[in-house]
């Protein structure tokens, strides 16, 4: 079972996000108050806590949201997730729509951090069912039956 470590938003694309503790997800739109919300396939971004922790060894002042991630998840190996995977947290249902991404050309995150793991390790999802996600909530992969 995976758990939510951080929930982050930003008002502008290409910038670092801030951890707000609880987010409200809107069906087929994304996270209320986040710049990436809208009717497209990358409504929510997720990163593994373990991947951030590996990168953190070189950056002492690294905060959740610094790579532009919306949700930081502990104990879920996103390398084993495929497009179409369904994630469930409380009433929220997310569908993985993209793995990795092309990096913005030297965005604010890259300028501040010197590198970005989102293009290599981030996953993106659309919101199939909205609701609220908070730090310490559990996240599950829906198993096919």
N, C-alpha and C. Protein backbone atom coordinates (compact mmCIF):
# COMPACT_ATOMS: atom_id res chain seq x y z
N UNK A 1 0.84 -1.17 0.00
CA UNK A 1 0.00 0.00 0.00
C UNK A 1 0.89 1.24 0.00
N UNK A 2 0.56 2.19 -0.84
CA UNK A 2 1.31 3.43 -0.95
C UNK A 2 0.63 4.51 -0.11
N UNK A 3 1.39 5.54 0.25
CA UNK A 3 0.81 6.63 1.02
C UNK A 3 1.22 7.98 0.43
N UNK A 4 0.35 8.94 0.63
CA UNK A 4 0.56 10.30 0.14
C UNK A 4 1.48 11.03 1.11
N UNK A 5 2.59 11.56 0.59
CA UNK A 5 3.57 12.28 1.40
C UNK A 5 3.39 13.78 1.27
N UNK A 6 2.97 14.26 0.08
CA UNK A 6 2.76 15.69 -0.14
C UNK A 6 1.74 15.91 -1.24
N UNK A 7 1.01 17.01 -1.13
CA UNK A 7 0.05 17.44 -2.15
C UNK A 7 0.38 18.89 -2.48
N UNK A 8 0.73 19.15 -3.74
CA UNK A 8 1.31 20.44 -4.09
C UNK A 8 0.59 21.09 -5.28
N UNK A 9 0.57 22.43 -5.26
CA UNK A 9 -0.01 23.18 -6.36
C UNK A 9 0.85 24.40 -6.68
N UNK A 10 0.68 24.93 -7.88
CA UNK A 10 1.25 26.22 -8.25
C UNK A 10 0.27 26.90 -9.19
N UNK A 11 0.31 28.21 -9.20
CA UNK A 11 -0.60 28.99 -10.03
C UNK A 11 -0.07 29.18 -11.45
N UNK A 12 1.21 28.85 -11.69
CA UNK A 12 1.83 29.08 -12.99
C UNK A 12 2.57 27.84 -13.45
N UNK A 13 2.44 27.48 -14.73
CA UNK A 13 3.15 26.32 -15.27
C UNK A 13 4.65 26.59 -15.32
N UNK A 14 5.45 25.49 -15.19
CA UNK A 14 6.90 25.60 -15.28
C UNK A 14 7.55 26.14 -14.03
N UNK A 15 6.80 26.23 -12.94
CA UNK A 15 7.35 26.74 -11.69
C UNK A 15 7.26 25.67 -10.61
N UNK A 16 7.99 25.89 -9.54
CA UNK A 16 7.93 24.97 -8.41
C UNK A 16 6.57 25.11 -7.73
N UNK A 17 6.12 24.03 -7.16
CA UNK A 17 4.83 24.01 -6.47
C UNK A 17 5.06 24.08 -4.96
N UNK A 18 4.00 24.35 -4.22
CA UNK A 18 4.09 24.39 -2.76
C UNK A 18 3.14 23.35 -2.18
N UNK A 19 3.59 22.73 -1.10
CA UNK A 19 2.80 21.70 -0.44
C UNK A 19 1.68 22.38 0.35
N UNK A 20 0.44 21.99 0.04
CA UNK A 20 -0.72 22.60 0.71
C UNK A 20 -1.43 21.62 1.65
N UNK A 21 -0.96 20.39 1.72
CA UNK A 21 -1.52 19.42 2.68
C UNK A 21 -2.75 18.68 2.19
N UNK A 22 -3.68 19.38 1.56
CA UNK A 22 -4.91 18.79 1.03
C UNK A 22 -5.22 19.43 -0.31
N UNK A 23 -5.62 18.61 -1.27
CA UNK A 23 -6.02 19.13 -2.57
C UNK A 23 -7.41 18.62 -2.92
N UNK A 24 -8.13 19.43 -3.69
CA UNK A 24 -9.44 19.04 -4.18
C UNK A 24 -9.31 18.77 -5.68
N UNK A 25 -9.63 17.56 -6.08
CA UNK A 25 -9.54 17.17 -7.49
C UNK A 25 -10.92 17.21 -8.12
N UNK A 26 -10.99 17.77 -9.33
CA UNK A 26 -12.24 17.94 -10.03
C UNK A 26 -12.26 16.97 -11.23
N UNK A 27 -13.34 16.21 -11.35
CA UNK A 27 -13.47 15.23 -12.42
C UNK A 27 -13.20 15.87 -13.78
N UNK A 28 -12.36 15.22 -14.58
CA UNK A 28 -12.00 15.63 -15.94
C UNK A 28 -11.48 17.07 -16.01
N UNK A 29 -10.85 17.53 -14.93
CA UNK A 29 -10.29 18.89 -14.94
C UNK A 29 -8.93 18.96 -14.25
N UNK A 30 -8.81 18.34 -13.09
CA UNK A 30 -7.54 18.38 -12.37
C UNK A 30 -7.69 18.91 -10.96
N UNK A 31 -6.63 19.55 -10.48
CA UNK A 31 -6.59 20.02 -9.10
C UNK A 31 -7.03 21.47 -9.03
N UNK A 32 -8.00 21.72 -8.18
CA UNK A 32 -8.50 23.08 -7.97
C UNK A 32 -7.34 23.99 -7.55
N UNK A 33 -7.13 25.07 -8.30
CA UNK A 33 -6.09 26.03 -7.97
C UNK A 33 -4.74 25.77 -8.60
N UNK A 34 -4.60 24.67 -9.35
CA UNK A 34 -3.31 24.35 -9.97
C UNK A 34 -3.29 24.76 -11.44
N UNK A 35 -2.16 25.28 -11.89
CA UNK A 35 -2.01 25.78 -13.25
C UNK A 35 -2.21 24.71 -14.32
N UNK A 36 -1.99 23.44 -13.99
CA UNK A 36 -2.11 22.37 -14.99
C UNK A 36 -3.53 21.83 -15.12
N UNK A 37 -4.44 22.34 -14.31
CA UNK A 37 -5.83 21.89 -14.41
C UNK A 37 -6.40 22.30 -15.77
N UNK A 38 -7.25 21.47 -16.32
CA UNK A 38 -7.87 21.75 -17.61
C UNK A 38 -8.28 20.47 -18.29
N UNK A 39 -8.91 20.59 -19.41
CA UNK A 39 -9.40 19.42 -20.15
C UNK A 39 -8.30 18.90 -21.06
N UNK A 40 -7.32 18.20 -20.46
CA UNK A 40 -6.24 17.58 -21.22
C UNK A 40 -5.74 16.37 -20.47
N UNK A 41 -4.71 15.71 -20.97
CA UNK A 41 -4.29 14.42 -20.42
C UNK A 41 -3.29 14.51 -19.25
N UNK A 42 -2.75 15.69 -18.97
CA UNK A 42 -1.78 15.83 -17.87
C UNK A 42 -2.34 16.73 -16.77
N UNK A 43 -3.46 16.32 -16.20
CA UNK A 43 -4.13 17.12 -15.18
C UNK A 43 -3.42 17.04 -13.82
N UNK A 44 -2.77 15.92 -13.56
CA UNK A 44 -2.11 15.68 -12.26
C UNK A 44 -0.75 15.03 -12.52
N UNK A 45 0.28 15.50 -11.80
CA UNK A 45 1.61 14.88 -11.91
C UNK A 45 1.96 14.21 -10.59
N UNK A 46 2.61 13.06 -10.71
CA UNK A 46 2.98 12.29 -9.52
C UNK A 46 4.45 11.91 -9.60
N UNK A 47 5.10 11.93 -8.44
CA UNK A 47 6.50 11.50 -8.32
C UNK A 47 6.64 10.60 -7.11
N UNK A 48 7.58 9.70 -7.19
CA UNK A 48 7.89 8.79 -6.09
C UNK A 48 8.75 9.49 -5.03
N UNK A 49 8.36 9.33 -3.79
CA UNK A 49 9.14 9.84 -2.66
C UNK A 49 10.57 9.28 -2.70
N UNK A 50 10.68 8.01 -3.04
CA UNK A 50 11.99 7.35 -3.06
C UNK A 50 12.90 7.95 -4.13
N UNK A 51 12.35 8.29 -5.30
CA UNK A 51 13.15 8.92 -6.35
C UNK A 51 13.61 10.31 -5.93
N UNK A 52 12.72 11.06 -5.30
CA UNK A 52 13.09 12.39 -4.80
C UNK A 52 14.19 12.26 -3.75
N UNK A 53 14.06 11.27 -2.88
CA UNK A 53 15.04 11.05 -1.82
C UNK A 53 16.42 10.74 -2.39
N UNK A 54 16.48 9.95 -3.45
CA UNK A 54 17.77 9.66 -4.10
C UNK A 54 18.40 10.94 -4.65
N UNK A 55 17.60 11.78 -5.25
CA UNK A 55 18.08 13.03 -5.83
C UNK A 55 18.48 14.02 -4.73
N UNK A 56 17.80 13.94 -3.60
CA UNK A 56 17.97 14.88 -2.49
C UNK A 56 19.38 14.88 -1.90
N UNK A 57 20.11 13.81 -2.08
CA UNK A 57 21.45 13.72 -1.49
C UNK A 57 22.34 14.87 -1.94
N UNK A 58 22.08 15.40 -3.15
CA UNK A 58 22.88 16.51 -3.66
C UNK A 58 22.28 17.87 -3.33
N UNK A 59 21.05 17.91 -2.87
CA UNK A 59 20.36 19.17 -2.61
C UNK A 59 19.77 19.18 -1.21
N UNK A 60 20.40 19.87 -0.32
CA UNK A 60 19.97 19.88 1.08
C UNK A 60 18.61 20.55 1.26
N UNK A 61 18.36 21.63 0.55
CA UNK A 61 17.14 22.41 0.75
C UNK A 61 16.03 22.04 -0.23
N UNK A 62 15.88 20.78 -0.52
CA UNK A 62 14.85 20.33 -1.44
C UNK A 62 13.51 20.18 -0.72
N UNK A 63 12.47 20.78 -1.28
CA UNK A 63 11.14 20.70 -0.70
C UNK A 63 10.20 19.97 -1.65
N UNK A 64 9.12 19.39 -1.10
CA UNK A 64 8.11 18.76 -1.94
C UNK A 64 7.51 19.83 -2.84
N UNK A 65 7.35 19.47 -4.12
CA UNK A 65 6.83 20.40 -5.11
C UNK A 65 7.90 21.10 -5.92
N UNK A 66 9.17 20.96 -5.51
CA UNK A 66 10.25 21.67 -6.19
C UNK A 66 10.46 21.22 -7.64
N UNK A 67 10.02 20.00 -7.98
CA UNK A 67 10.16 19.53 -9.36
C UNK A 67 8.87 19.73 -10.15
N UNK A 68 7.91 20.41 -9.57
CA UNK A 68 6.64 20.66 -10.24
C UNK A 68 5.63 19.55 -10.06
N UNK A 69 5.88 18.64 -9.13
CA UNK A 69 4.96 17.51 -8.91
C UNK A 69 3.78 17.94 -8.05
N UNK A 70 2.61 17.38 -8.38
CA UNK A 70 1.42 17.62 -7.57
C UNK A 70 1.34 16.69 -6.37
N UNK A 71 1.63 15.41 -6.60
CA UNK A 71 1.46 14.43 -5.53
C UNK A 71 2.75 13.62 -5.39
N UNK A 72 3.24 13.55 -4.15
CA UNK A 72 4.40 12.72 -3.83
C UNK A 72 3.88 11.48 -3.13
N UNK A 73 4.28 10.31 -3.67
CA UNK A 73 3.76 9.03 -3.19
C UNK A 73 4.91 8.17 -2.68
N UNK A 74 4.74 7.62 -1.48
CA UNK A 74 5.75 6.71 -0.91
C UNK A 74 5.30 5.27 -1.11
N UNK A 75 6.25 4.41 -1.44
CA UNK A 75 6.04 2.95 -1.58
C UNK A 75 5.23 2.56 -2.81
N UNK A 76 5.39 3.32 -3.90
CA UNK A 76 4.82 2.93 -5.18
C UNK A 76 5.89 3.12 -6.24
N UNK A 77 6.27 2.03 -6.89
CA UNK A 77 7.31 2.07 -7.92
C UNK A 77 6.68 2.46 -9.25
N UNK A 78 6.81 3.73 -9.61
CA UNK A 78 6.20 4.21 -10.85
C UNK A 78 6.87 3.63 -12.10
N UNK A 79 8.05 3.03 -11.95
CA UNK A 79 8.68 2.36 -13.09
C UNK A 79 7.88 1.13 -13.53
N UNK A 80 7.01 0.63 -12.66
CA UNK A 80 6.20 -0.54 -12.98
C UNK A 80 4.77 -0.19 -13.38
N UNK A 81 4.47 1.11 -13.43
CA UNK A 81 3.14 1.57 -13.81
C UNK A 81 3.10 1.78 -15.33
N UNK A 82 1.99 1.43 -15.95
CA UNK A 82 1.84 1.60 -17.39
C UNK A 82 0.69 2.58 -17.68
N UNK A 83 0.67 3.08 -18.90
CA UNK A 83 -0.44 3.95 -19.32
C UNK A 83 -1.73 3.15 -19.20
N UNK A 84 -2.74 3.78 -18.62
CA UNK A 84 -4.02 3.11 -18.40
C UNK A 84 -4.19 2.59 -16.99
N UNK A 85 -3.09 2.53 -16.21
CA UNK A 85 -3.20 2.09 -14.82
C UNK A 85 -4.14 3.02 -14.06
N UNK A 86 -4.97 2.44 -13.21
CA UNK A 86 -5.92 3.21 -12.40
C UNK A 86 -5.41 3.27 -10.97
N UNK A 87 -5.34 4.49 -10.43
CA UNK A 87 -4.95 4.72 -9.04
C UNK A 87 -6.17 5.22 -8.27
N UNK A 88 -6.33 4.73 -7.05
CA UNK A 88 -7.48 5.11 -6.23
C UNK A 88 -7.00 5.63 -4.88
N UNK A 89 -7.54 6.78 -4.49
CA UNK A 89 -7.26 7.37 -3.17
C UNK A 89 -8.56 8.02 -2.69
N UNK A 90 -9.12 7.46 -1.62
CA UNK A 90 -10.43 7.92 -1.14
C UNK A 90 -11.43 7.79 -2.28
N UNK A 91 -12.15 8.86 -2.63
CA UNK A 91 -13.10 8.83 -3.74
C UNK A 91 -12.45 9.14 -5.07
N UNK A 92 -11.19 9.58 -5.04
CA UNK A 92 -10.49 10.00 -6.25
C UNK A 92 -10.03 8.80 -7.07
N UNK A 93 -10.30 8.88 -8.37
CA UNK A 93 -9.82 7.86 -9.31
C UNK A 93 -9.01 8.57 -10.38
N UNK A 94 -7.75 8.16 -10.53
CA UNK A 94 -6.85 8.73 -11.52
C UNK A 94 -6.48 7.65 -12.53
N UNK A 95 -6.33 8.05 -13.79
CA UNK A 95 -5.86 7.15 -14.84
C UNK A 95 -4.53 7.67 -15.37
N UNK A 96 -3.51 6.83 -15.32
CA UNK A 96 -2.19 7.22 -15.84
C UNK A 96 -2.30 7.40 -17.36
N UNK A 97 -1.89 8.58 -17.83
CA UNK A 97 -2.00 8.91 -19.24
C UNK A 97 -0.65 9.14 -19.92
N UNK A 98 0.39 9.37 -19.13
CA UNK A 98 1.71 9.63 -19.71
C UNK A 98 2.78 9.29 -18.69
N UNK A 99 3.89 8.76 -19.18
CA UNK A 99 5.03 8.45 -18.32
C UNK A 99 6.21 9.27 -18.83
N UNK A 100 6.73 10.12 -17.95
CA UNK A 100 7.79 11.03 -18.34
C UNK A 100 7.26 12.11 -19.25
N UNK A 101 8.13 13.04 -19.61
CA UNK A 101 7.72 14.12 -20.50
C UNK A 101 8.94 14.80 -21.08
N UNK A 102 8.70 15.54 -22.14
CA UNK A 102 9.77 16.36 -22.68
C UNK A 102 9.91 17.57 -21.77
N UNK A 103 11.13 17.87 -21.37
CA UNK A 103 11.36 18.97 -20.44
C UNK A 103 11.23 20.31 -21.16
N UNK A 104 10.66 21.26 -20.43
CA UNK A 104 10.66 22.64 -20.94
C UNK A 104 12.12 23.05 -21.14
N UNK A 105 12.39 23.90 -22.08
CA UNK A 105 13.79 24.30 -22.29
C UNK A 105 14.22 25.22 -21.16
N UNK A 106 14.98 24.64 -20.25
CA UNK A 106 15.54 25.37 -19.12
C UNK A 106 14.48 26.17 -18.36
N UNK A 107 13.46 25.46 -17.87
CA UNK A 107 12.40 26.10 -17.11
C UNK A 107 12.93 26.59 -15.76
N UNK A 108 12.08 27.26 -15.03
CA UNK A 108 12.45 27.79 -13.71
C UNK A 108 12.93 26.68 -12.78
N UNK A 109 12.30 25.53 -12.87
CA UNK A 109 12.69 24.41 -12.00
C UNK A 109 14.13 23.99 -12.30
N UNK A 110 14.45 23.81 -13.57
CA UNK A 110 15.81 23.42 -13.96
C UNK A 110 16.81 24.49 -13.53
N UNK A 111 16.46 25.75 -13.74
CA UNK A 111 17.36 26.84 -13.36
C UNK A 111 17.67 26.84 -11.86
N UNK A 112 16.67 26.57 -11.04
CA UNK A 112 16.86 26.58 -9.58
C UNK A 112 17.52 25.30 -9.07
N UNK A 113 17.17 24.15 -9.68
CA UNK A 113 17.61 22.87 -9.14
C UNK A 113 18.86 22.32 -9.84
N UNK A 114 19.13 22.79 -11.06
CA UNK A 114 20.27 22.28 -11.82
C UNK A 114 19.96 21.01 -12.59
N UNK A 115 18.80 20.44 -12.35
CA UNK A 115 18.34 19.24 -13.03
C UNK A 115 16.87 19.07 -12.68
N UNK A 116 16.21 18.17 -13.35
CA UNK A 116 14.81 17.89 -13.03
C UNK A 116 14.54 16.41 -13.28
N UNK A 117 13.93 15.76 -12.30
CA UNK A 117 13.65 14.33 -12.45
C UNK A 117 12.26 14.07 -13.04
N UNK A 118 11.44 15.11 -13.13
CA UNK A 118 10.08 14.92 -13.66
C UNK A 118 10.08 14.35 -15.08
N UNK A 119 10.93 14.82 -15.99
CA UNK A 119 10.90 14.25 -17.35
C UNK A 119 11.22 12.76 -17.40
N UNK A 120 12.04 12.27 -16.46
CA UNK A 120 12.44 10.86 -16.47
C UNK A 120 11.60 10.00 -15.53
N UNK A 121 11.19 10.53 -14.40
CA UNK A 121 10.55 9.73 -13.35
C UNK A 121 9.12 10.11 -13.03
N UNK A 122 8.64 11.22 -13.58
CA UNK A 122 7.27 11.65 -13.30
C UNK A 122 6.25 10.87 -14.12
N UNK A 123 5.05 10.74 -13.57
CA UNK A 123 3.93 10.17 -14.30
C UNK A 123 2.79 11.17 -14.23
N UNK A 124 1.90 11.08 -15.22
CA UNK A 124 0.82 12.05 -15.34
C UNK A 124 -0.50 11.32 -15.46
N UNK A 125 -1.54 11.97 -14.96
CA UNK A 125 -2.85 11.32 -14.93
C UNK A 125 -3.96 12.32 -15.19
N UNK A 126 -5.11 11.77 -15.57
CA UNK A 126 -6.32 12.57 -15.64
C UNK A 126 -7.25 12.09 -14.53
N UNK A 127 -8.14 12.97 -14.11
CA UNK A 127 -9.04 12.68 -13.00
C UNK A 127 -10.34 12.09 -13.55
N UNK A 128 -10.55 10.80 -13.24
CA UNK A 128 -11.79 10.13 -13.66
C UNK A 128 -12.92 10.39 -12.67
N UNK A 129 -12.56 10.55 -11.40
CA UNK A 129 -13.55 10.87 -10.37
C UNK A 129 -12.87 11.79 -9.35
N UNK A 130 -13.51 12.89 -9.06
CA UNK A 130 -12.94 13.89 -8.15
C UNK A 130 -13.14 13.56 -6.69
N UNK A 131 -12.55 14.40 -5.86
CA UNK A 131 -12.63 14.25 -4.41
C UNK A 131 -11.44 14.93 -3.78
N UNK A 132 -11.18 14.59 -2.54
CA UNK A 132 -10.12 15.23 -1.77
C UNK A 132 -9.02 14.22 -1.43
N UNK A 133 -7.77 14.67 -1.57
CA UNK A 133 -6.60 13.88 -1.16
C UNK A 133 -5.80 14.72 -0.18
N UNK A 134 -5.39 14.09 0.92
CA UNK A 134 -4.58 14.75 1.94
C UNK A 134 -3.33 13.94 2.24
N UNK A 135 -2.34 14.60 2.81
CA UNK A 135 -1.14 13.92 3.27
C UNK A 135 -1.55 12.81 4.24
N UNK A 136 -0.91 11.67 4.12
CA UNK A 136 -1.12 10.46 4.94
C UNK A 136 -2.25 9.57 4.43
N UNK A 137 -2.98 10.00 3.40
CA UNK A 137 -3.99 9.12 2.80
C UNK A 137 -3.29 7.97 2.09
N UNK A 138 -4.01 6.87 1.92
CA UNK A 138 -3.48 5.71 1.21
C UNK A 138 -3.88 5.76 -0.26
N UNK A 139 -3.00 5.24 -1.10
CA UNK A 139 -3.21 5.19 -2.55
C UNK A 139 -3.07 3.74 -2.99
N UNK A 140 -3.97 3.29 -3.84
CA UNK A 140 -3.97 1.91 -4.31
C UNK A 140 -3.95 1.86 -5.83
N UNK A 141 -3.36 0.82 -6.36
CA UNK A 141 -3.49 0.52 -7.78
C UNK A 141 -4.69 -0.42 -7.91
N UNK A 142 -5.61 -0.07 -8.79
CA UNK A 142 -6.77 -0.93 -9.01
C UNK A 142 -6.29 -2.18 -9.73
N UNK A 143 -6.58 -3.31 -9.17
CA UNK A 143 -6.18 -4.59 -9.76
C UNK A 143 -7.30 -5.08 -10.68
N UNK A 144 -6.94 -5.57 -11.87
CA UNK A 144 -7.93 -6.14 -12.79
C UNK A 144 -8.44 -7.45 -12.23
N UNK A 145 -9.72 -7.68 -12.38
CA UNK A 145 -10.31 -8.93 -11.88
C UNK A 145 -11.00 -9.68 -12.98
